[in-house]
């Protein structure tokens, strides 16, 4: 983690965000013997603070925990966590498109995209 000048707060980096993602995947599949889910995740860096965070779409699996269980888990382990139900009327492009196609100068070079289970 990188120190923020003049404070005792440290800024989480890419490794920390990746660990949070893999911990989330593990915790959200704890009751299933196999993980046959498919997912896509986009790591983005906050425009002003430079803190990485992840936007993702992930399929359910047998025994998936309730959405709010994962929100509570995320808050306890990593802080603010939003888990929203997928709306098929809007489609994946609605949710991830703005991150995949970001072209805001600074933000353009701040994306990391990964697919899993395909």
PDB file of N, CA and C in Angstrom:
ATOM      1  N   UNK A   1       0.836  -1.178   0.000  1.00  0.00           N
ATOM      2  CA  UNK A   1       0.000   0.000   0.000  1.00  0.00           C
ATOM      3  C   UNK A   1       0.881   1.241   0.000  1.00  0.00           C
ATOM      4  N   UNK A   2       0.420   2.231  -0.695  1.00  0.00           N
ATOM      5  CA  UNK A   2       1.172   3.483  -0.774  1.00  0.00           C
ATOM      6  C   UNK A   2       0.683   4.449   0.290  1.00  0.00           C
ATOM      7  N   UNK A   3       1.621   5.128   0.922  1.00  0.00           N
ATOM      8  CA  UNK A   3       1.246   6.119   1.933  1.00  0.00           C
ATOM      9  C   UNK A   3       0.729   7.380   1.268  1.00  0.00           C
ATOM     10  N   UNK A   4      -0.244   7.988   1.893  1.00  0.00           N
ATOM     11  CA  UNK A   4      -0.748   9.273   1.452  1.00  0.00           C
ATOM     12  C   UNK A   4      -0.028  10.327   2.274  1.00  0.00           C
ATOM     13  N   UNK A   5       0.703  11.242   1.622  1.00  0.00           N
ATOM     14  CA  UNK A   5       1.491  12.239   2.354  1.00  0.00           C
ATOM     15  C   UNK A   5       0.654  13.017   3.366  1.00  0.00           C
ATOM     16  N   UNK A   6       1.207  13.197   4.566  1.00  0.00           N
ATOM     17  CA  UNK A   6       0.561  13.997   5.592  1.00  0.00           C
ATOM     18  C   UNK A   6      -0.515  13.284   6.383  1.00  0.00           C
ATOM     19  N   UNK A   7      -0.685  11.990   6.160  1.00  0.00           N
ATOM     20  CA  UNK A   7      -1.700  11.240   6.912  1.00  0.00           C
ATOM     21  C   UNK A   7      -1.129   9.904   7.352  1.00  0.00           C
ATOM     22  N   UNK A   8      -1.866   9.231   8.214  1.00  0.00           N
ATOM     23  CA  UNK A   8      -1.468   7.881   8.602  1.00  0.00           C
ATOM     24  C   UNK A   8      -2.245   6.841   7.779  1.00  0.00           C
ATOM     25  N   UNK A   9      -3.129   7.305   6.908  1.00  0.00           N
ATOM     26  CA  UNK A   9      -3.938   6.428   6.074  1.00  0.00           C
ATOM     27  C   UNK A   9      -3.101   5.894   4.925  1.00  0.00           C
ATOM     28  N   UNK A  10      -3.250   4.628   4.613  1.00  0.00           N
ATOM     29  CA  UNK A  10      -2.562   4.071   3.457  1.00  0.00           C
ATOM     30  C   UNK A  10      -3.593   3.727   2.390  1.00  0.00           C
ATOM     31  N   UNK A  11      -3.204   3.877   1.157  1.00  0.00           N
ATOM     32  CA  UNK A  11      -4.099   3.647   0.029  1.00  0.00           C
ATOM     33  C   UNK A  11      -3.920   2.216  -0.461  1.00  0.00           C
ATOM     34  N   UNK A  12      -5.014   1.439  -0.542  1.00  0.00           N
ATOM     35  CA  UNK A  12      -4.885   0.073  -1.058  1.00  0.00           C
ATOM     36  C   UNK A  12      -4.501   0.088  -2.532  1.00  0.00           C
ATOM     37  N   UNK A  13      -3.748  -0.904  -2.938  1.00  0.00           N
ATOM     38  CA  UNK A  13      -3.297  -0.993  -4.317  1.00  0.00           C
ATOM     39  C   UNK A  13      -3.985  -2.116  -5.063  1.00  0.00           C
ATOM     40  N   UNK A  14      -3.475  -2.388  -6.254  1.00  0.00           N
ATOM     41  CA  UNK A  14      -4.045  -3.393  -7.145  1.00  0.00           C
ATOM     42  C   UNK A  14      -4.027  -4.791  -6.517  1.00  0.00           C
ATOM     43  N   UNK A  15      -2.956  -5.157  -5.832  1.00  0.00           N
ATOM     44  CA  UNK A  15      -2.866  -6.481  -5.203  1.00  0.00           C
ATOM     45  C   UNK A  15      -3.954  -6.655  -4.147  1.00  0.00           C
ATOM     46  N   UNK A  16      -4.188  -5.612  -3.378  1.00  0.00           N
ATOM     47  CA  UNK A  16      -5.224  -5.653  -2.341  1.00  0.00           C
ATOM     48  C   UNK A  16      -6.607  -5.833  -2.976  1.00  0.00           C
ATOM     49  N   UNK A  17      -6.880  -5.084  -4.046  1.00  0.00           N
ATOM     50  CA  UNK A  17      -8.171  -5.199  -4.729  1.00  0.00           C
ATOM     51  C   UNK A  17      -8.334  -6.584  -5.351  1.00  0.00           C
ATOM     52  N   UNK A  18      -7.270  -7.117  -5.943  1.00  0.00           N
ATOM     53  CA  UNK A  18      -7.339  -8.475  -6.501  1.00  0.00           C
ATOM     54  C   UNK A  18      -7.606  -9.510  -5.416  1.00  0.00           C
ATOM     55  N   UNK A  19      -6.959  -9.363  -4.271  1.00  0.00           N
ATOM     56  CA  UNK A  19      -7.197 -10.287  -3.153  1.00  0.00           C
ATOM     57  C   UNK A  19      -8.656 -10.199  -2.695  1.00  0.00           C
ATOM     58  N   UNK A  20      -9.181  -8.977  -2.623  1.00  0.00           N
ATOM     59  CA  UNK A  20     -10.580  -8.792  -2.227  1.00  0.00           C
ATOM     60  C   UNK A  20     -11.503  -9.492  -3.215  1.00  0.00           C
ATOM     61  N   UNK A  21     -11.206  -9.400  -4.509  1.00  0.00           N
ATOM     62  CA  UNK A  21     -12.034 -10.049  -5.530  1.00  0.00           C
ATOM     63  C   UNK A  21     -12.024 -11.569  -5.356  1.00  0.00           C
ATOM     64  N   UNK A  22     -10.840 -12.159  -5.202  1.00  0.00           N
ATOM     65  CA  UNK A  22     -10.753 -13.612  -5.060  1.00  0.00           C
ATOM     66  C   UNK A  22     -11.373 -14.075  -3.747  1.00  0.00           C
ATOM     67  N   UNK A  23     -11.246 -13.293  -2.700  1.00  0.00           N
ATOM     68  CA  UNK A  23     -11.921 -13.620  -1.434  1.00  0.00           C
ATOM     69  C   UNK A  23     -13.432 -13.578  -1.607  1.00  0.00           C
ATOM     70  N   UNK A  24     -13.921 -12.589  -2.345  1.00  0.00           N
ATOM     71  CA  UNK A  24     -15.357 -12.477  -2.613  1.00  0.00           C
ATOM     72  C   UNK A  24     -15.841 -13.694  -3.393  1.00  0.00           C
ATOM     73  N   UNK A  25     -15.092 -14.096  -4.433  1.00  0.00           N
ATOM     74  CA  UNK A  25     -15.474 -15.275  -5.215  1.00  0.00           C
ATOM     75  C   UNK A  25     -15.546 -16.523  -4.334  1.00  0.00           C
ATOM     76  N   UNK A  26     -14.566 -16.690  -3.466  1.00  0.00           N
ATOM     77  CA  UNK A  26     -14.536 -17.851  -2.576  1.00  0.00           C
ATOM     78  C   UNK A  26     -15.707 -17.808  -1.600  1.00  0.00           C
ATOM     79  N   UNK A  27     -15.932 -16.670  -0.975  1.00  0.00           N
ATOM     80  CA  UNK A  27     -17.006 -16.545   0.016  1.00  0.00           C
ATOM     81  C   UNK A  27     -18.382 -16.708  -0.622  1.00  0.00           C
ATOM     82  N   UNK A  28     -18.533 -16.280  -1.868  1.00  0.00           N
ATOM     83  CA  UNK A  28     -19.842 -16.355  -2.518  1.00  0.00           C
ATOM     84  C   UNK A  28     -20.105 -17.725  -3.140  1.00  0.00           C
ATOM     85  N   UNK A  29     -19.185 -18.653  -2.984  1.00  0.00           N
ATOM     86  CA  UNK A  29     -19.365 -20.012  -3.518  1.00  0.00           C
ATOM     87  C   UNK A  29     -19.113 -21.066  -2.449  1.00  0.00           C
ATOM     88  N   UNK A  30     -19.212 -20.671  -1.201  1.00  0.00           N
ATOM     89  CA  UNK A  30     -18.805 -21.550  -0.102  1.00  0.00           C
ATOM     90  C   UNK A  30     -19.628 -22.819   0.046  1.00  0.00           C
ATOM     91  N   UNK A  31     -20.870 -22.845  -0.446  1.00  0.00           N
ATOM     92  CA  UNK A  31     -21.724 -24.016  -0.249  1.00  0.00           C
ATOM     93  C   UNK A  31     -21.814 -24.915  -1.473  1.00  0.00           C
ATOM     94  N   UNK A  32     -20.987 -24.672  -2.474  1.00  0.00           N
ATOM     95  CA  UNK A  32     -21.034 -25.478  -3.689  1.00  0.00           C
ATOM     96  C   UNK A  32     -19.710 -26.213  -3.875  1.00  0.00           C
ATOM     97  N   UNK A  33     -19.756 -27.520  -4.158  1.00  0.00           N
ATOM     98  CA  UNK A  33     -18.513 -28.276  -4.336  1.00  0.00           C
ATOM     99  C   UNK A  33     -17.744 -27.887  -5.597  1.00  0.00           C
ATOM    100  N   UNK A  34     -18.446 -27.378  -6.602  1.00  0.00           N
ATOM    101  CA  UNK A  34     -17.764 -26.939  -7.819  1.00  0.00           C
ATOM    102  C   UNK A  34     -18.115 -25.481  -8.091  1.00  0.00           C
ATOM    103  N   UNK A  35     -17.210 -24.805  -8.743  1.00  0.00           N
ATOM    104  CA  UNK A  35     -17.463 -23.422  -9.118  1.00  0.00           C
ATOM    105  C   UNK A  35     -17.569 -23.365 -10.634  1.00  0.00           C
ATOM    106  N   UNK A  36     -18.804 -23.410 -11.130  1.00  0.00           N
ATOM    107  CA  UNK A  36     -19.022 -23.372 -12.572  1.00  0.00           C
ATOM    108  C   UNK A  36     -19.545 -22.002 -13.015  1.00  0.00           C
ATOM    109  N   UNK A  37     -19.355 -21.016 -12.166  1.00  0.00           N
ATOM    110  CA  UNK A  37     -19.833 -19.674 -12.497  1.00  0.00           C
ATOM    111  C   UNK A  37     -18.984 -19.048 -13.597  1.00  0.00           C
ATOM    112  N   UNK A  38     -19.596 -18.120 -14.289  1.00  0.00           N
ATOM    113  CA  UNK A  38     -18.888 -17.309 -15.272  1.00  0.00           C
ATOM    114  C   UNK A  38     -18.910 -15.879 -14.754  1.00  0.00           C
ATOM    115  N   UNK A  39     -17.854 -15.141 -15.034  1.00  0.00           N
ATOM    116  CA  UNK A  39     -17.803 -13.769 -14.564  1.00  0.00           C
ATOM    117  C   UNK A  39     -16.898 -12.918 -15.431  1.00  0.00           C
ATOM    118  N   UNK A  40     -17.131 -11.649 -15.348  1.00  0.00           N
ATOM    119  CA  UNK A  40     -16.240 -10.651 -15.940  1.00  0.00           C
ATOM    120  C   UNK A  40     -16.112  -9.553 -14.892  1.00  0.00           C
ATOM    121  N   UNK A  41     -14.889  -9.091 -14.703  1.00  0.00           N
ATOM    122  CA  UNK A  41     -14.683  -8.022 -13.737  1.00  0.00           C
ATOM    123  C   UNK A  41     -13.773  -6.965 -14.353  1.00  0.00           C
ATOM    124  N   UNK A  42     -14.059  -5.737 -13.987  1.00  0.00           N
ATOM    125  CA  UNK A  42     -13.264  -4.612 -14.453  1.00  0.00           C
ATOM    126  C   UNK A  42     -12.727  -3.903 -13.217  1.00  0.00           C
ATOM    127  N   UNK A  43     -11.412  -3.800 -13.126  1.00  0.00           N
ATOM    128  CA  UNK A  43     -10.824  -3.033 -12.039  1.00  0.00           C
ATOM    129  C   UNK A  43     -10.618  -1.612 -12.546  1.00  0.00           C
ATOM    130  N   UNK A  44     -11.137  -0.687 -11.784  1.00  0.00           N
ATOM    131  CA  UNK A  44     -11.035   0.717 -12.147  1.00  0.00           C
ATOM    132  C   UNK A  44     -10.391   1.464 -10.989  1.00  0.00           C
ATOM    133  N   UNK A  45      -9.705   2.525 -11.308  1.00  0.00           N
ATOM    134  CA  UNK A  45      -9.094   3.355 -10.277  1.00  0.00           C
ATOM    135  C   UNK A  45      -9.903   4.642 -10.132  1.00  0.00           C
ATOM    136  N   UNK A  46     -10.181   5.002  -8.888  1.00  0.00           N
ATOM    137  CA  UNK A  46     -10.933   6.224  -8.625  1.00  0.00           C
ATOM    138  C   UNK A  46     -10.205   7.399  -9.261  1.00  0.00           C
ATOM    139  N   UNK A  47     -10.952   8.228  -9.920  1.00  0.00           N
ATOM    140  CA  UNK A  47     -10.375   9.326 -10.705  1.00  0.00           C
ATOM    141  C   UNK A  47      -9.496  10.266  -9.878  1.00  0.00           C
ATOM    142  N   UNK A  48      -9.916  10.596  -8.667  1.00  0.00           N
ATOM    143  CA  UNK A  48      -9.181  11.569  -7.872  1.00  0.00           C
ATOM    144  C   UNK A  48      -8.285  10.928  -6.808  1.00  0.00           C
ATOM    145  N   UNK A  49      -8.749   9.853  -6.205  1.00  0.00           N
ATOM    146  CA  UNK A  49      -7.994   9.232  -5.118  1.00  0.00           C
ATOM    147  C   UNK A  49      -7.044   8.144  -5.596  1.00  0.00           C
ATOM    148  N   UNK A  50      -7.251   7.618  -6.804  1.00  0.00           N
ATOM    149  CA  UNK A  50      -6.379   6.584  -7.330  1.00  0.00           C
ATOM    150  C   UNK A  50      -6.550   5.229  -6.667  1.00  0.00           C
ATOM    151  N   UNK A  51      -7.658   5.025  -5.959  1.00  0.00           N
ATOM    152  CA  UNK A  51      -7.907   3.770  -5.253  1.00  0.00           C
ATOM    153  C   UNK A  51      -8.599   2.781  -6.194  1.00  0.00           C
ATOM    154  N   UNK A  52      -8.070   1.556  -6.317  1.00  0.00           N
ATOM    155  CA  UNK A  52      -8.704   0.580  -7.197  1.00  0.00           C
ATOM    156  C   UNK A  52      -9.991   0.028  -6.587  1.00  0.00           C
ATOM    157  N   UNK A  53     -10.949  -0.222  -7.445  1.00  0.00           N
ATOM    158  CA  UNK A  53     -12.177  -0.901  -7.039  1.00  0.00           C
ATOM    159  C   UNK A  53     -12.664  -1.717  -8.229  1.00  0.00           C
ATOM    160  N   UNK A  54     -13.532  -2.683  -7.956  1.00  0.00           N
ATOM    161  CA  UNK A  54     -13.916  -3.649  -8.977  1.00  0.00           C
ATOM    162  C   UNK A  54     -15.411  -3.571  -9.259  1.00  0.00           C
ATOM    163  N   UNK A  55     -15.735  -3.613 -10.553  1.00  0.00           N
ATOM    164  CA  UNK A  55     -17.101  -3.751 -11.033  1.00  0.00           C
ATOM    165  C   UNK A  55     -17.149  -5.128 -11.687  1.00  0.00           C
ATOM    166  N   UNK A  56     -18.187  -5.916 -11.403  1.00  0.00           N
ATOM    167  CA  UNK A  56     -18.220  -7.270 -11.948  1.00  0.00           C
ATOM    168  C   UNK A  56     -19.638  -7.746 -12.204  1.00  0.00           C
ATOM    169  N   UNK A  57     -19.741  -8.684 -13.111  1.00  0.00           N
ATOM    170  CA  UNK A  57     -20.958  -9.466 -13.314  1.00  0.00           C
ATOM    171  C   UNK A  57     -20.570 -10.907 -13.043  1.00  0.00           C
ATOM    172  N   UNK A  58     -21.408 -11.604 -12.282  1.00  0.00           N
ATOM    173  CA  UNK A  58     -21.101 -12.989 -11.931  1.00  0.00           C
ATOM    174  C   UNK A  58     -22.399 -13.789 -11.901  1.00  0.00           C
ATOM    175  N   UNK A  59     -22.347 -15.014 -12.432  1.00  0.00           N
ATOM    176  CA  UNK A  59     -23.535 -15.860 -12.424  1.00  0.00           C
ATOM    177  C   UNK A  59     -23.704 -16.518 -11.060  1.00  0.00           C
ATOM    178  N   UNK A  60     -24.930 -16.922 -10.764  1.00  0.00           N
ATOM    179  CA  UNK A  60     -25.218 -17.673  -9.540  1.00  0.00           C
ATOM    180  C   UNK A  60     -24.770 -19.115  -9.709  1.00  0.00           C
ATOM    181  N   UNK A  61     -24.708 -19.807  -8.602  1.00  0.00           N
ATOM    182  CA  UNK A  61     -24.470 -21.242  -8.615  1.00  0.00           C
ATOM    183  C   UNK A  61     -25.371 -21.849  -7.545  1.00  0.00           C
ATOM    184  N   UNK A  62     -25.541 -23.149  -7.556  1.00  0.00           N
ATOM    185  CA  UNK A  62     -26.357 -23.810  -6.540  1.00  0.00           C
ATOM    186  C   UNK A  62     -25.796 -23.450  -5.171  1.00  0.00           C
ATOM    187  N   UNK A  63     -26.653 -22.997  -4.293  1.00  0.00           N
ATOM    188  CA  UNK A  63     -26.215 -22.667  -2.945  1.00  0.00           C
ATOM    189  C   UNK A  63     -25.618 -21.275  -2.796  1.00  0.00           C
ATOM    190  N   UNK A  64     -25.742 -20.436  -3.836  1.00  0.00           N
ATOM    191  CA  UNK A  64     -25.217 -19.065  -3.709  1.00  0.00           C
ATOM    192  C   UNK A  64     -25.881 -18.370  -2.526  1.00  0.00           C
ATOM    193  N   UNK A  65     -25.110 -17.622  -1.757  1.00  0.00           N
ATOM    194  CA  UNK A  65     -25.687 -16.895  -0.628  1.00  0.00           C
ATOM    195  C   UNK A  65     -26.601 -15.777  -1.122  1.00  0.00           C
ATOM    196  N   UNK A  66     -27.462 -15.325  -0.242  1.00  0.00           N
ATOM    197  CA  UNK A  66     -28.319 -14.196  -0.570  1.00  0.00           C
ATOM    198  C   UNK A  66     -27.459 -12.961  -0.829  1.00  0.00           C
ATOM    199  N   UNK A  67     -27.963 -12.088  -1.659  1.00  0.00           N
ATOM    200  CA  UNK A  67     -27.263 -10.866  -2.040  1.00  0.00           C
ATOM    201  C   UNK A  67     -26.821 -10.064  -0.818  1.00  0.00           C
ATOM    202  N   UNK A  68     -27.701  -9.861   0.148  1.00  0.00           N
ATOM    203  CA  UNK A  68     -27.356  -9.046   1.312  1.00  0.00           C
ATOM    204  C   UNK A  68     -26.330  -9.729   2.215  1.00  0.00           C
ATOM    205  N   UNK A  69     -26.273 -11.050   2.185  1.00  0.00           N
ATOM    206  CA  UNK A  69     -25.210 -11.740   2.926  1.00  0.00           C
ATOM    207  C   UNK A  69     -23.842 -11.325   2.389  1.00  0.00           C
ATOM    208  N   UNK A  70     -23.749 -11.201   1.061  1.00  0.00           N
ATOM    209  CA  UNK A  70     -22.469 -10.825   0.453  1.00  0.00           C
ATOM    210  C   UNK A  70     -22.169  -9.343   0.670  1.00  0.00           C
ATOM    211  N   UNK A  71     -23.194  -8.517   0.723  1.00  0.00           N
ATOM    212  CA  UNK A  71     -22.977  -7.101   1.054  1.00  0.00           C
ATOM    213  C   UNK A  71     -22.410  -7.008   2.469  1.00  0.00           C
ATOM    214  N   UNK A  72     -23.016  -7.731   3.403  1.00  0.00           N
ATOM    215  CA  UNK A  72     -22.532  -7.730   4.787  1.00  0.00           C
ATOM    216  C   UNK A  72     -21.116  -8.295   4.881  1.00  0.00           C
ATOM    217  N   UNK A  73     -20.858  -9.385   4.153  1.00  0.00           N
ATOM    218  CA  UNK A  73     -19.522  -9.986   4.147  1.00  0.00           C
ATOM    219  C   UNK A  73     -18.499  -8.970   3.625  1.00  0.00           C
ATOM    220  N   UNK A  74     -18.827  -8.328   2.515  1.00  0.00           N
ATOM    221  CA  UNK A  74     -17.909  -7.358   1.926  1.00  0.00           C
ATOM    222  C   UNK A  74     -17.623  -6.190   2.862  1.00  0.00           C
ATOM    223  N   UNK A  75     -18.661  -5.685   3.516  1.00  0.00           N
ATOM    224  CA  UNK A  75     -18.485  -4.566   4.448  1.00  0.00           C
ATOM    225  C   UNK A  75     -17.559  -4.972   5.591  1.00  0.00           C
ATOM    226  N   UNK A  76     -17.783  -6.165   6.124  1.00  0.00           N
ATOM    227  CA  UNK A  76     -16.980  -6.647   7.257  1.00  0.00           C
ATOM    228  C   UNK A  76     -15.508  -6.811   6.876  1.00  0.00           C
ATOM    229  N   UNK A  77     -15.243  -7.294   5.678  1.00  0.00           N
ATOM    230  CA  UNK A  77     -13.872  -7.607   5.280  1.00  0.00           C
ATOM    231  C   UNK A  77     -13.155  -6.511   4.506  1.00  0.00           C
ATOM    232  N   UNK A  78     -13.890  -5.722   3.724  1.00  0.00           N
ATOM    233  CA  UNK A  78     -13.212  -4.776   2.832  1.00  0.00           C
ATOM    234  C   UNK A  78     -13.828  -3.378   2.776  1.00  0.00           C
ATOM    235  N   UNK A  79     -14.937  -3.161   3.440  1.00  0.00           N
ATOM    236  CA  UNK A  79     -15.548  -1.831   3.398  1.00  0.00           C
ATOM    237  C   UNK A  79     -16.749  -1.800   2.469  1.00  0.00           C
ATOM    238  N   UNK A  80     -17.004  -0.664   1.900  1.00  0.00           N
ATOM    239  CA  UNK A  80     -18.206  -0.462   1.086  1.00  0.00           C
ATOM    240  C   UNK A  80     -18.298  -1.514  -0.013  1.00  0.00           C
ATOM    241  N   UNK A  81     -19.440  -2.178  -0.059  1.00  0.00           N
ATOM    242  CA  UNK A  81     -19.680  -3.228  -1.041  1.00  0.00           C
ATOM    243  C   UNK A  81     -21.106  -3.100  -1.539  1.00  0.00           C
ATOM    244  N   UNK A  82     -21.258  -3.052  -2.837  1.00  0.00           N
ATOM    245  CA  UNK A  82     -22.596  -3.049  -3.432  1.00  0.00           C
ATOM    246  C   UNK A  82     -22.742  -4.319  -4.236  1.00  0.00           C
ATOM    247  N   UNK A  83     -23.837  -5.039  -4.018  1.00  0.00           N
ATOM    248  CA  UNK A  83     -24.149  -6.234  -4.791  1.00  0.00           C
ATOM    249  C   UNK A  83     -25.567  -6.019  -5.306  1.00  0.00           C
ATOM    250  N   UNK A  84     -25.690  -5.877  -6.591  1.00  0.00           N
ATOM    251  CA  UNK A  84     -26.987  -5.597  -7.205  1.00  0.00           C
ATOM    252  C   UNK A  84     -27.454  -6.794  -8.005  1.00  0.00           C
ATOM    253  N   UNK A  85     -28.755  -6.989  -8.052  1.00  0.00           N
ATOM    254  CA  UNK A  85     -29.315  -8.058  -8.874  1.00  0.00           C
ATOM    255  C   UNK A  85     -29.241  -7.636 -10.335  1.00  0.00           C
ATOM    256  N   UNK A  86     -28.864  -8.564 -11.178  1.00  0.00           N
ATOM    257  CA  UNK A  86     -28.741  -8.312 -12.613  1.00  0.00           C
ATOM    258  C   UNK A  86     -30.121  -8.103 -13.220  1.00  0.00           C
ATOM    259  N   UNK A  87     -30.259  -7.095 -14.040  1.00  0.00           N
ATOM    260  CA  UNK A  87     -31.510  -6.813 -14.741  1.00  0.00           C
ATOM    261  C   UNK A  87     -31.331  -7.179 -16.207  1.00  0.00           C
ATOM    262  N   UNK A  88     -31.895  -8.323 -16.644  1.00  0.00           N
ATOM    263  CA  UNK A  88     -31.690  -8.761 -18.025  1.00  0.00           C
ATOM    264  C   UNK A  88     -32.250  -7.781 -19.057  1.00  0.00           C
ATOM    265  N   UNK A  89     -33.206  -6.939 -18.660  1.00  0.00           N
ATOM    266  CA  UNK A  89     -33.750  -5.946 -19.601  1.00  0.00           C
ATOM    267  C   UNK A  89     -32.683  -4.901 -19.961  1.00  0.00           C
ATOM    268  N   UNK A  90     -31.784  -4.632 -19.037  1.00  0.00           N
ATOM    269  CA  UNK A  90     -30.730  -3.651 -19.287  1.00  0.00           C
ATOM    270  C   UNK A  90     -29.529  -4.277 -19.980  1.00  0.00           C
ATOM    271  N   UNK A  91     -29.226  -5.524 -19.650  1.00  0.00           N
ATOM    272  CA  UNK A  91     -28.114  -6.226 -20.266  1.00  0.00           C
ATOM    273  C   UNK A  91     -26.762  -5.872 -19.659  1.00  0.00           C
ATOM    274  N   UNK A  92     -25.784  -6.706 -19.948  1.00  0.00           N
ATOM    275  CA  UNK A  92     -24.440  -6.541 -19.397  1.00  0.00           C
ATOM    276  C   UNK A  92     -23.785  -5.257 -19.885  1.00  0.00           C
ATOM    277  N   UNK A  93     -24.035  -4.883 -21.131  1.00  0.00           N
ATOM    278  CA  UNK A  93     -23.401  -3.679 -21.680  1.00  0.00           C
ATOM    279  C   UNK A  93     -23.801  -2.445 -20.887  1.00  0.00           C
ATOM    280  N   UNK A  94     -25.013  -2.415 -20.384  1.00  0.00           N
ATOM    281  CA  UNK A  94     -25.466  -1.267 -19.592  1.00  0.00           C
ATOM    282  C   UNK A  94     -24.594  -1.089 -18.352  1.00  0.00           C
ATOM    283  N   UNK A  95     -24.281  -2.199 -17.700  1.00  0.00           N
ATOM    284  CA  UNK A  95     -23.540  -2.112 -16.450  1.00  0.00           C
ATOM    285  C   UNK A  95     -22.037  -1.948 -16.658  1.00  0.00           C
ATOM    286  N   UNK A  96     -21.450  -2.787 -17.493  1.00  0.00           N
ATOM    287  CA  UNK A  96     -19.995  -2.763 -17.657  1.00  0.00           C
ATOM    288  C   UNK A  96     -19.506  -1.878 -18.797  1.00  0.00           C
ATOM    289  N   UNK A  97     -20.373  -1.564 -19.738  1.00  0.00           N
ATOM    290  CA  UNK A  97     -19.961  -0.811 -20.904  1.00  0.00           C
ATOM    291  C   UNK A  97     -19.257   0.494 -20.594  1.00  0.00           C
ATOM    292  N   UNK A  98     -19.752   1.217 -19.621  1.00  0.00           N
ATOM    293  CA  UNK A  98     -19.133   2.512 -19.307  1.00  0.00           C
ATOM    294  C   UNK A  98     -17.721   2.352 -18.773  1.00  0.00           C
ATOM    295  N   UNK A  99     -17.409   1.211 -18.173  1.00  0.00           N
ATOM    296  CA  UNK A  99     -16.058   0.981 -17.670  1.00  0.00           C
ATOM    297  C   UNK A  99     -15.158   0.410 -18.758  1.00  0.00           C
ATOM    298  N   UNK A 100     -15.720  -0.471 -19.575  1.00  0.00           N
ATOM    299  CA  UNK A 100     -14.930  -1.077 -20.643  1.00  0.00           C
ATOM    300  C   UNK A 100     -14.555  -0.063 -21.720  1.00  0.00           C
ATOM    301  N   UNK A 101     -15.400   0.920 -21.925  1.00  0.00           N
ATOM    302  CA  UNK A 101     -15.180   1.875 -23.005  1.00  0.00           C
ATOM    303  C   UNK A 101     -14.745   3.246 -22.511  1.00  0.00           C
ATOM    304  N   UNK A 102     -14.372   3.338 -21.268  1.00  0.00           N
ATOM    305  CA  UNK A 102     -14.026   4.623 -20.675  1.00  0.00           C
ATOM    306  C   UNK A 102     -12.929   5.314 -21.480  1.00  0.00           C
ATOM    307  N   UNK A 103     -13.168   6.560 -21.762  1.00  0.00           N
ATOM    308  CA  UNK A 103     -12.203   7.342 -22.519  1.00  0.00           C
ATOM    309  C   UNK A 103     -12.147   8.747 -21.922  1.00  0.00           C
ATOM    310  N   UNK A 104     -11.691   8.822 -20.699  1.00  0.00           N
ATOM    311  CA  UNK A 104     -11.652  10.095 -19.991  1.00  0.00           C
ATOM    312  C   UNK A 104     -10.216  10.529 -19.709  1.00  0.00           C
ATOM    313  N   UNK A 105      -9.339  10.342 -20.632  1.00  0.00           N
ATOM    314  CA  UNK A 105      -7.952  10.746 -20.422  1.00  0.00           C
ATOM    315  C   UNK A 105      -7.315   9.929 -19.315  1.00  0.00           C
ATOM    316  N   UNK A 106      -7.345  10.449 -18.095  1.00  0.00           N
ATOM    317  CA  UNK A 106      -6.741   9.793 -16.938  1.00  0.00           C
ATOM    318  C   UNK A 106      -7.291   8.382 -16.761  1.00  0.00           C
ATOM    319  N   UNK A 107      -8.602   8.214 -16.866  1.00  0.00           N
ATOM    320  CA  UNK A 107      -9.238   6.925 -16.637  1.00  0.00           C
ATOM    321  C   UNK A 107      -8.947   5.891 -17.696  1.00  0.00           C
ATOM    322  N   UNK A 108      -8.638   6.326 -18.885  1.00  0.00           N
ATOM    323  CA  UNK A 108      -8.436   5.403 -20.007  1.00  0.00           C
ATOM    324  C   UNK A 108      -7.360   4.367 -19.725  1.00  0.00           C
ATOM    325  N   UNK A 109      -6.290   4.752 -19.047  1.00  0.00           N
ATOM    326  CA  UNK A 109      -5.191   3.835 -18.768  1.00  0.00           C
ATOM    327  C   UNK A 109      -5.311   3.175 -17.397  1.00  0.00           C
ATOM    328  N   UNK A 110      -6.452   3.297 -16.774  1.00  0.00           N
ATOM    329  CA  UNK A 110      -6.597   2.835 -15.407  1.00  0.00           C
ATOM    330  C   UNK A 110      -7.546   1.636 -15.302  1.00  0.00           C
ATOM    331  N   UNK A 111      -7.689   0.851 -16.375  1.00  0.00           N
ATOM    332  CA  UNK A 111      -8.600  -0.291 -16.359  1.00  0.00           C
ATOM    333  C   UNK A 111      -7.824  -1.598 -16.446  1.00  0.00           C
ATOM    334  N   UNK A 112      -8.375  -2.626 -15.817  1.00  0.00           N
ATOM    335  CA  UNK A 112      -7.825  -3.970 -15.884  1.00  0.00           C
ATOM    336  C   UNK A 112      -9.039  -4.894 -16.000  1.00  0.00           C
ATOM    337  N   UNK A 113      -9.169  -5.633 -17.093  1.00  0.00           N
ATOM    338  CA  UNK A 113     -10.348  -6.452 -17.369  1.00  0.00           C
ATOM    339  C   UNK A 113      -9.949  -7.922 -17.327  1.00  0.00           C
ATOM    340  N   UNK A 114     -10.776  -8.741 -16.662  1.00  0.00           N
ATOM    341  CA  UNK A 114     -10.481 -10.169 -16.550  1.00  0.00           C
ATOM    342  C   UNK A 114     -11.789 -10.961 -16.670  1.00  0.00           C
ATOM    343  N   UNK A 115     -11.729 -12.122 -17.338  1.00  0.00           N
ATOM    344  CA  UNK A 115     -12.860 -13.009 -17.490  1.00  0.00           C
ATOM    345  C   UNK A 115     -12.559 -14.326 -16.778  1.00  0.00           C
ATOM    346  N   UNK A 116     -13.585 -14.995 -16.288  1.00  0.00           N
ATOM    347  CA  UNK A 116     -13.376 -16.283 -15.628  1.00  0.00           C
ATOM    348  C   UNK A 116     -14.515 -17.245 -15.912  1.00  0.00           C
ATOM    349  N   UNK A 117     -14.186 -18.516 -15.982  1.00  0.00           N
ATOM    350  CA  UNK A 117     -15.190 -19.552 -16.147  1.00  0.00           C
ATOM    351  C   UNK A 117     -15.660 -19.753 -17.565  1.00  0.00           C
ATOM    352  N   UNK A 118     -15.021 -19.111 -18.530  1.00  0.00           N
ATOM    353  CA  UNK A 118     -15.453 -19.251 -19.926  1.00  0.00           C
ATOM    354  C   UNK A 118     -14.600 -20.260 -20.640  1.00  0.00           C
TER     355      UNK A 118
END
